[in-house]
Amino acid sequence: MMYTVIYGINETTTLFLNSRFNKGSNIFACTKGGESYQGEPSLSLEQLVKMNRNEIDRVVICSEFVAEISANLINNGFTLEQLYFFDYHKKIPVPLTDISLSSVSKNNTLYAFYDLSFNLPCYDVTVFCVLAELKRKSLGLDHIHFVVVPSRSEQVDIWAQLLILAVWITNGELTKYSVVTLNAFHHVQVSQCFRCAKMHNL
């Protein structure tokens, strides 16, 4: 017999059990155990891990702590393909493979710095985000990493500071034309950053 593990006991659990996605043959589980659903005791994560994996069809997470629970399950031998999250609003189980993030390459990322020494912390940031997205597309990059630079009282060379920070973030592997910032007039400037292993003592 193949079981569905329902991880988490709350209103979402009841919603799942009353849905058409409930196949029956359920086992309840929660991280520390000790809870029960309508008299049915739940297993702890430690007890769940000891079960025969060939008897477990899927794990449906009925909790808002999806990231933490899924990480614990994967670290204990469950596969991502076995894990589902029951969406309370849509009332459907969502495979975690559909919502997991793919790995991000540093060399395929635009680093966008919003410097509060030159820009107000206001809705101007939305303009910055749009301009950064346009720059990302024009450079053919896949991702954006936004960085908010704290305001500084003393006058400094902003480009030097951004270059140092960018090289530090990328461990000295920053690709040319991959840093964008915004000046007070909302004009995007792209720094001339080349690959460098050690430009500063960081």
C-alpha atoms as a PDB file:
ATOM      1  CA  MET A   1       0.000   0.000   0.000  1.00  0.00           C
ATOM      2  CA  MET A   2       1.259   3.467  -0.925  1.00  0.00           C
ATOM      3  CA  TYR A   3       0.700   6.238   1.588  1.00  0.00           C
ATOM      4  CA  THR A   4       0.284   9.979   1.309  1.00  0.00           C
ATOM      5  CA  VAL A   5       2.065  11.790   4.118  1.00  0.00           C
ATOM      6  CA  ILE A   6       0.175  14.899   5.204  1.00  0.00           C
ATOM      7  CA  TYR A   7       2.765  17.145   6.838  1.00  0.00           C
ATOM      8  CA  GLY A   8       1.149  19.677   9.160  1.00  0.00           C
ATOM      9  CA  ILE A   9      -2.138  19.678  11.059  1.00  0.00           C
ATOM     10  CA  ASN A  10      -4.335  22.746  10.660  1.00  0.00           C
ATOM     11  CA  GLU A  11      -7.206  24.094   8.543  1.00  0.00           C
ATOM     12  CA  THR A  12      -5.286  23.366   5.365  1.00  0.00           C
ATOM     13  CA  THR A  13      -5.140  19.704   6.383  1.00  0.00           C
ATOM     14  CA  THR A  14      -8.936  19.525   6.538  1.00  0.00           C
ATOM     15  CA  LEU A  15      -9.200  21.348   3.225  1.00  0.00           C
ATOM     16  CA  PHE A  16      -6.917  18.815   1.570  1.00  0.00           C
ATOM     17  CA  LEU A  17      -8.726  15.819   3.078  1.00  0.00           C
ATOM     18  CA  ASN A  18     -12.059  17.141   1.783  1.00  0.00           C
ATOM     19  CA  SER A  19     -10.679  17.783  -1.698  1.00  0.00           C
ATOM     20  CA  ARG A  20     -10.792  15.512  -4.729  1.00  0.00           C
ATOM     21  CA  PHE A  21      -7.005  15.166  -4.462  1.00  0.00           C
ATOM     22  CA  ASN A  22      -7.257  13.036  -1.333  1.00  0.00           C
ATOM     23  CA  LYS A  23      -6.506   9.454  -2.388  1.00  0.00           C
ATOM     24  CA  GLY A  24      -6.975   8.012   1.098  1.00  0.00           C
ATOM     25  CA  SER A  25      -4.333   5.912   2.877  1.00  0.00           C
ATOM     26  CA  ASN A  26      -2.971   8.951   4.677  1.00  0.00           C
ATOM     27  CA  ILE A  27      -0.333   9.306   7.364  1.00  0.00           C
ATOM     28  CA  PHE A  28      -0.074  12.466   9.423  1.00  0.00           C
ATOM     29  CA  ALA A  29       3.247  14.004  10.354  1.00  0.00           C
ATOM     30  CA  CYS A  30       4.678  17.119  11.946  1.00  0.00           C
ATOM     31  CA  THR A  31       8.220  18.031  12.831  1.00  0.00           C
ATOM     32  CA  LYS A  32       8.157  17.193  16.535  1.00  0.00           C
ATOM     33  CA  GLY A  33       5.226  14.762  16.491  1.00  0.00           C
ATOM     34  CA  GLY A  34       2.776  14.465  19.365  1.00  0.00           C
ATOM     35  CA  GLU A  35      -0.123  16.114  17.552  1.00  0.00           C
ATOM     36  CA  SER A  36      -3.170  14.296  16.248  1.00  0.00           C
ATOM     37  CA  TYR A  37      -5.928  14.760  13.682  1.00  0.00           C
ATOM     38  CA  GLN A  38      -9.365  13.553  14.728  1.00  0.00           C
ATOM     39  CA  GLY A  39      -7.753  11.011  17.030  1.00  0.00           C
ATOM     40  CA  GLU A  40      -5.144   9.891  14.483  1.00  0.00           C
ATOM     41  CA  PRO A  41      -1.659  10.478  15.944  1.00  0.00           C
ATOM     42  CA  SER A  42       1.034  12.147  13.857  1.00  0.00           C
ATOM     43  CA  LEU A  43       4.559  10.941  13.294  1.00  0.00           C
ATOM     44  CA  SER A  44       7.556  13.094  14.083  1.00  0.00           C
ATOM     45  CA  LEU A  45      10.093  13.825  11.358  1.00  0.00           C
ATOM     46  CA  GLU A  46      12.449  11.359  13.031  1.00  0.00           C
ATOM     47  CA  GLN A  47       9.800   8.616  12.889  1.00  0.00           C
ATOM     48  CA  LEU A  48       8.837   9.486   9.332  1.00  0.00           C
ATOM     49  CA  VAL A  49      12.425   9.143   8.153  1.00  0.00           C
ATOM     50  CA  LYS A  50      12.520   5.571   9.461  1.00  0.00           C
ATOM     51  CA  MET A  51       9.564   4.489   7.313  1.00  0.00           C
ATOM     52  CA  ASN A  52      10.056   2.342   4.235  1.00  0.00           C
ATOM     53  CA  ARG A  53      10.324   4.893   1.405  1.00  0.00           C
ATOM     54  CA  ASN A  54       8.783   2.428  -1.028  1.00  0.00           C
ATOM     55  CA  GLU A  55       5.543   2.799   0.924  1.00  0.00           C
ATOM     56  CA  ILE A  56       5.417   6.589   0.554  1.00  0.00           C
ATOM     57  CA  ASP A  57       3.873   7.915  -2.645  1.00  0.00           C
ATOM     58  CA  ARG A  58       4.039  11.625  -1.853  1.00  0.00           C
ATOM     59  CA  VAL A  59       4.287  14.177   0.934  1.00  0.00           C
ATOM     60  CA  VAL A  60       1.699  16.953   0.918  1.00  0.00           C
ATOM     61  CA  ILE A  61       2.850  19.912   3.003  1.00  0.00           C
ATOM     62  CA  CYS A  62      -0.105  21.622   4.682  1.00  0.00           C
ATOM     63  CA  SER A  63       1.845  24.405   6.320  1.00  0.00           C
ATOM     64  CA  GLU A  64       3.118  27.891   5.567  1.00  0.00           C
ATOM     65  CA  PHE A  65       6.670  26.810   6.463  1.00  0.00           C
ATOM     66  CA  VAL A  66       7.165  25.095   3.128  1.00  0.00           C
ATOM     67  CA  ALA A  67      10.820  26.020   2.649  1.00  0.00           C
ATOM     68  CA  GLU A  68      11.884  24.815   6.082  1.00  0.00           C
ATOM     69  CA  ILE A  69       9.871  21.582   5.935  1.00  0.00           C
ATOM     70  CA  SER A  70      10.929  20.686   2.399  1.00  0.00           C
ATOM     71  CA  ALA A  71      14.589  21.335   3.255  1.00  0.00           C
ATOM     72  CA  ASN A  72      14.327  19.005   6.263  1.00  0.00           C
ATOM     73  CA  LEU A  73      12.679  16.297   4.166  1.00  0.00           C
ATOM     74  CA  ILE A  74      15.218  16.536   1.346  1.00  0.00           C
ATOM     75  CA  ASN A  75      18.091  16.487   3.835  1.00  0.00           C
ATOM     76  CA  ASN A  76      16.613  13.235   5.166  1.00  0.00           C
ATOM     77  CA  GLY A  77      16.438  11.458   1.841  1.00  0.00           C
ATOM     78  CA  PHE A  78      13.133  12.511   0.263  1.00  0.00           C
ATOM     79  CA  THR A  79      13.250  13.700  -3.334  1.00  0.00           C
ATOM     80  CA  LEU A  80      11.872  16.999  -4.573  1.00  0.00           C
ATOM     81  CA  GLU A  81       9.565  15.072  -6.906  1.00  0.00           C
ATOM     82  CA  GLN A  82       7.820  13.504  -3.912  1.00  0.00           C
ATOM     83  CA  LEU A  83       6.972  16.825  -2.291  1.00  0.00           C
ATOM     84  CA  TYR A  84       3.823  18.895  -2.774  1.00  0.00           C
ATOM     85  CA  PHE A  85       2.476  22.065  -1.218  1.00  0.00           C
ATOM     86  CA  PHE A  86      -1.286  22.333  -0.790  1.00  0.00           C
ATOM     87  CA  ASP A  87      -2.311  25.810  -1.897  1.00  0.00           C
ATOM     88  CA  TYR A  88      -4.979  26.981   0.545  1.00  0.00           C
ATOM     89  CA  HIS A  89      -6.415  29.586  -1.835  1.00  0.00           C
ATOM     90  CA  LYS A  90      -6.418  27.596  -5.066  1.00  0.00           C
ATOM     91  CA  LYS A  91      -7.268  24.379  -3.208  1.00  0.00           C
ATOM     92  CA  ILE A  92      -4.841  22.300  -5.246  1.00  0.00           C
ATOM     93  CA  PRO A  93      -1.593  20.447  -4.463  1.00  0.00           C
ATOM     94  CA  VAL A  94       1.335  22.152  -6.178  1.00  0.00           C
ATOM     95  CA  PRO A  95       4.467  20.121  -6.977  1.00  0.00           C
ATOM     96  CA  LEU A  96       7.511  21.706  -5.383  1.00  0.00           C
ATOM     97  CA  THR A  97       9.321  21.135  -8.658  1.00  0.00           C
ATOM     98  CA  ASP A  98       7.041  23.850 -10.109  1.00  0.00           C
ATOM     99  CA  ILE A  99       7.988  26.482  -7.548  1.00  0.00           C
ATOM    100  CA  SER A 100      11.608  25.652  -6.768  1.00  0.00           C
ATOM    101  CA  LEU A 101      14.221  28.121  -7.997  1.00  0.00           C
ATOM    102  CA  SER A 102      16.876  27.095 -10.460  1.00  0.00           C
ATOM    103  CA  SER A 103      20.496  27.822  -9.673  1.00  0.00           C
ATOM    104  CA  VAL A 104      21.664  31.335 -10.520  1.00  0.00           C
ATOM    105  CA  SER A 105      24.947  31.996 -12.301  1.00  0.00           C
ATOM    106  CA  LYS A 106      26.950  35.020 -11.181  1.00  0.00           C
ATOM    107  CA  ASN A 107      28.149  35.567 -14.732  1.00  0.00           C
ATOM    108  CA  ASN A 108      24.557  35.804 -15.965  1.00  0.00           C
ATOM    109  CA  THR A 109      23.364  38.318 -13.374  1.00  0.00           C
ATOM    110  CA  LEU A 110      22.977  42.080 -13.489  1.00  0.00           C
ATOM    111  CA  TYR A 111      23.914  43.685 -10.154  1.00  0.00           C
ATOM    112  CA  ALA A 112      21.766  46.784  -9.664  1.00  0.00           C
ATOM    113  CA  PHE A 113      22.839  49.191  -6.906  1.00  0.00           C
ATOM    114  CA  TYR A 114      20.387  51.746  -5.507  1.00  0.00           C
ATOM    115  CA  ASP A 115      22.507  54.257  -3.618  1.00  0.00           C
ATOM    116  CA  LEU A 116      20.642  56.117  -0.862  1.00  0.00           C
ATOM    117  CA  SER A 117      23.365  58.791  -0.772  1.00  0.00           C
ATOM    118  CA  PHE A 118      22.135  60.004  -4.151  1.00  0.00           C
ATOM    119  CA  ASN A 119      18.535  58.758  -4.305  1.00  0.00           C
ATOM    120  CA  LEU A 120      15.600  59.112  -1.926  1.00  0.00           C
ATOM    121  CA  PRO A 121      14.015  56.001  -0.355  1.00  0.00           C
ATOM    122  CA  CYS A 122      10.722  56.604  -2.139  1.00  0.00           C
ATOM    123  CA  TYR A 123       8.740  55.473  -5.171  1.00  0.00           C
ATOM    124  CA  ASP A 124      11.668  56.452  -7.398  1.00  0.00           C
ATOM    125  CA  VAL A 125      12.928  52.946  -6.792  1.00  0.00           C
ATOM    126  CA  THR A 126      10.198  51.633  -9.112  1.00  0.00           C
ATOM    127  CA  VAL A 127      11.692  53.664 -11.962  1.00  0.00           C
ATOM    128  CA  PHE A 128      15.073  52.226 -11.095  1.00  0.00           C
ATOM    129  CA  CYS A 129      13.709  48.671 -11.182  1.00  0.00           C
ATOM    130  CA  VAL A 130      12.162  49.204 -14.615  1.00  0.00           C
ATOM    131  CA  LEU A 131      15.364  50.718 -16.008  1.00  0.00           C
ATOM    132  CA  ALA A 132      17.396  47.890 -14.512  1.00  0.00           C
ATOM    133  CA  GLU A 133      15.104  45.338 -16.160  1.00  0.00           C
ATOM    134  CA  LEU A 134      15.516  47.078 -19.532  1.00  0.00           C
ATOM    135  CA  LYS A 135      19.286  47.035 -19.056  1.00  0.00           C
ATOM    136  CA  ARG A 136      19.180  43.337 -18.134  1.00  0.00           C
ATOM    137  CA  LYS A 137      17.333  42.537 -21.351  1.00  0.00           C
ATOM    138  CA  SER A 138      19.657  44.648 -23.478  1.00  0.00           C
ATOM    139  CA  LEU A 139      22.687  42.829 -22.019  1.00  0.00           C
ATOM    140  CA  GLY A 140      21.064  39.416 -22.515  1.00  0.00           C
ATOM    141  CA  LEU A 141      21.344  38.441 -18.849  1.00  0.00           C
ATOM    142  CA  ASP A 142      18.909  36.146 -17.038  1.00  0.00           C
ATOM    143  CA  HIS A 143      18.814  37.558 -13.503  1.00  0.00           C
ATOM    144  CA  ILE A 144      18.931  40.763 -11.458  1.00  0.00           C
ATOM    145  CA  HIS A 145      20.454  41.092  -7.988  1.00  0.00           C
ATOM    146  CA  PHE A 146      19.321  44.340  -6.333  1.00  0.00           C
ATOM    147  CA  VAL A 147      21.540  45.930  -3.702  1.00  0.00           C
ATOM    148  CA  VAL A 148      20.517  48.927  -1.572  1.00  0.00           C
ATOM    149  CA  VAL A 149      23.603  50.929  -0.614  1.00  0.00           C
ATOM    150  CA  PRO A 150      23.176  52.777   2.746  1.00  0.00           C
ATOM    151  CA  SER A 151      23.461  56.541   2.794  1.00  0.00           C
ATOM    152  CA  ARG A 152      26.870  57.938   3.742  1.00  0.00           C
ATOM    153  CA  SER A 153      27.489  61.374   5.273  1.00  0.00           C
ATOM    154  CA  GLU A 154      30.959  61.895   3.846  1.00  0.00           C
ATOM    155  CA  GLN A 155      31.648  62.478   0.172  1.00  0.00           C
ATOM    156  CA  VAL A 156      33.092  59.409  -1.513  1.00  0.00           C
ATOM    157  CA  ASP A 157      33.736  58.206  -5.008  1.00  0.00           C
ATOM    158  CA  ILE A 158      30.500  56.351  -5.700  1.00  0.00           C
ATOM    159  CA  TRP A 159      31.918  54.386  -8.613  1.00  0.00           C
ATOM    160  CA  ALA A 160      34.864  53.195  -6.577  1.00  0.00           C
ATOM    161  CA  GLN A 161      32.540  52.094  -3.783  1.00  0.00           C
ATOM    162  CA  LEU A 162      30.226  50.248  -6.173  1.00  0.00           C
ATOM    163  CA  LEU A 163      33.144  48.561  -7.893  1.00  0.00           C
ATOM    164  CA  ILE A 164      34.575  47.357  -4.579  1.00  0.00           C
ATOM    165  CA  LEU A 165      31.168  46.081  -3.451  1.00  0.00           C
ATOM    166  CA  ALA A 166      30.469  44.407  -6.789  1.00  0.00           C
ATOM    167  CA  VAL A 167      33.839  42.638  -6.843  1.00  0.00           C
ATOM    168  CA  TRP A 168      33.282  41.503  -3.241  1.00  0.00           C
ATOM    169  CA  ILE A 169      29.808  40.099  -4.017  1.00  0.00           C
ATOM    170  CA  THR A 170      31.051  38.144  -7.012  1.00  0.00           C
ATOM    171  CA  ASN A 171      34.304  36.976  -5.405  1.00  0.00           C
ATOM    172  CA  GLY A 172      36.302  38.809  -8.041  1.00  0.00           C
ATOM    173  CA  GLU A 173      34.419  37.224 -10.948  1.00  0.00           C
ATOM    174  CA  LEU A 174      32.401  40.243 -12.067  1.00  0.00           C
ATOM    175  CA  THR A 175      31.675  40.309 -15.787  1.00  0.00           C
ATOM    176  CA  LYS A 176      32.148  43.510 -17.762  1.00  0.00           C
ATOM    177  CA  TYR A 177      28.989  45.644 -18.047  1.00  0.00           C
ATOM    178  CA  SER A 178      27.161  43.797 -15.309  1.00  0.00           C
ATOM    179  CA  VAL A 179      26.694  46.565 -12.741  1.00  0.00           C
ATOM    180  CA  VAL A 180      24.048  49.263 -13.063  1.00  0.00           C
ATOM    181  CA  THR A 181      23.318  52.228 -10.811  1.00  0.00           C
ATOM    182  CA  LEU A 182      21.026  55.246 -10.876  1.00  0.00           C
ATOM    183  CA  ASN A 183      21.959  58.879 -10.388  1.00  0.00           C
ATOM    184  CA  ALA A 184      19.710  61.658  -9.140  1.00  0.00           C
ATOM    185  CA  PHE A 185      18.339  62.279 -12.625  1.00  0.00           C
ATOM    186  CA  HIS A 186      17.180  58.692 -13.152  1.00  0.00           C
ATOM    187  CA  HIS A 187      19.764  58.052 -15.842  1.00  0.00           C
ATOM    188  CA  VAL A 188      21.178  54.559 -15.911  1.00  0.00           C
ATOM    189  CA  GLN A 189      24.943  54.315 -16.031  1.00  0.00           C
ATOM    190  CA  VAL A 190      26.870  51.098 -16.485  1.00  0.00           C
ATOM    191  CA  SER A 191      30.254  50.805 -14.826  1.00  0.00           C
ATOM    192  CA  GLN A 192      33.225  49.490 -16.758  1.00  0.00           C
ATOM    193  CA  CYS A 193      33.869  46.466 -14.552  1.00  0.00           C
ATOM    194  CA  PHE A 194      36.162  43.779 -15.868  1.00  0.00           C
ATOM    195  CA  ARG A 195      36.991  40.348 -14.504  1.00  0.00           C
ATOM    196  CA  CYS A 196      39.525  40.749 -11.745  1.00  0.00           C
ATOM    197  CA  ALA A 197      40.695  38.409  -9.027  1.00  0.00           C
ATOM    198  CA  LYS A 198      42.056  41.008  -6.618  1.00  0.00           C
ATOM    199  CA  MET A 199      41.531  44.670  -7.335  1.00  0.00           C
ATOM    200  CA  HIS A 200      41.300  45.736  -3.691  1.00  0.00           C
ATOM    201  CA  ASN A 201      42.214  44.315  -0.343  1.00  0.00           C
ATOM    202  CA  LEU A 202      38.731  43.076   0.588  1.00  0.00           C
END
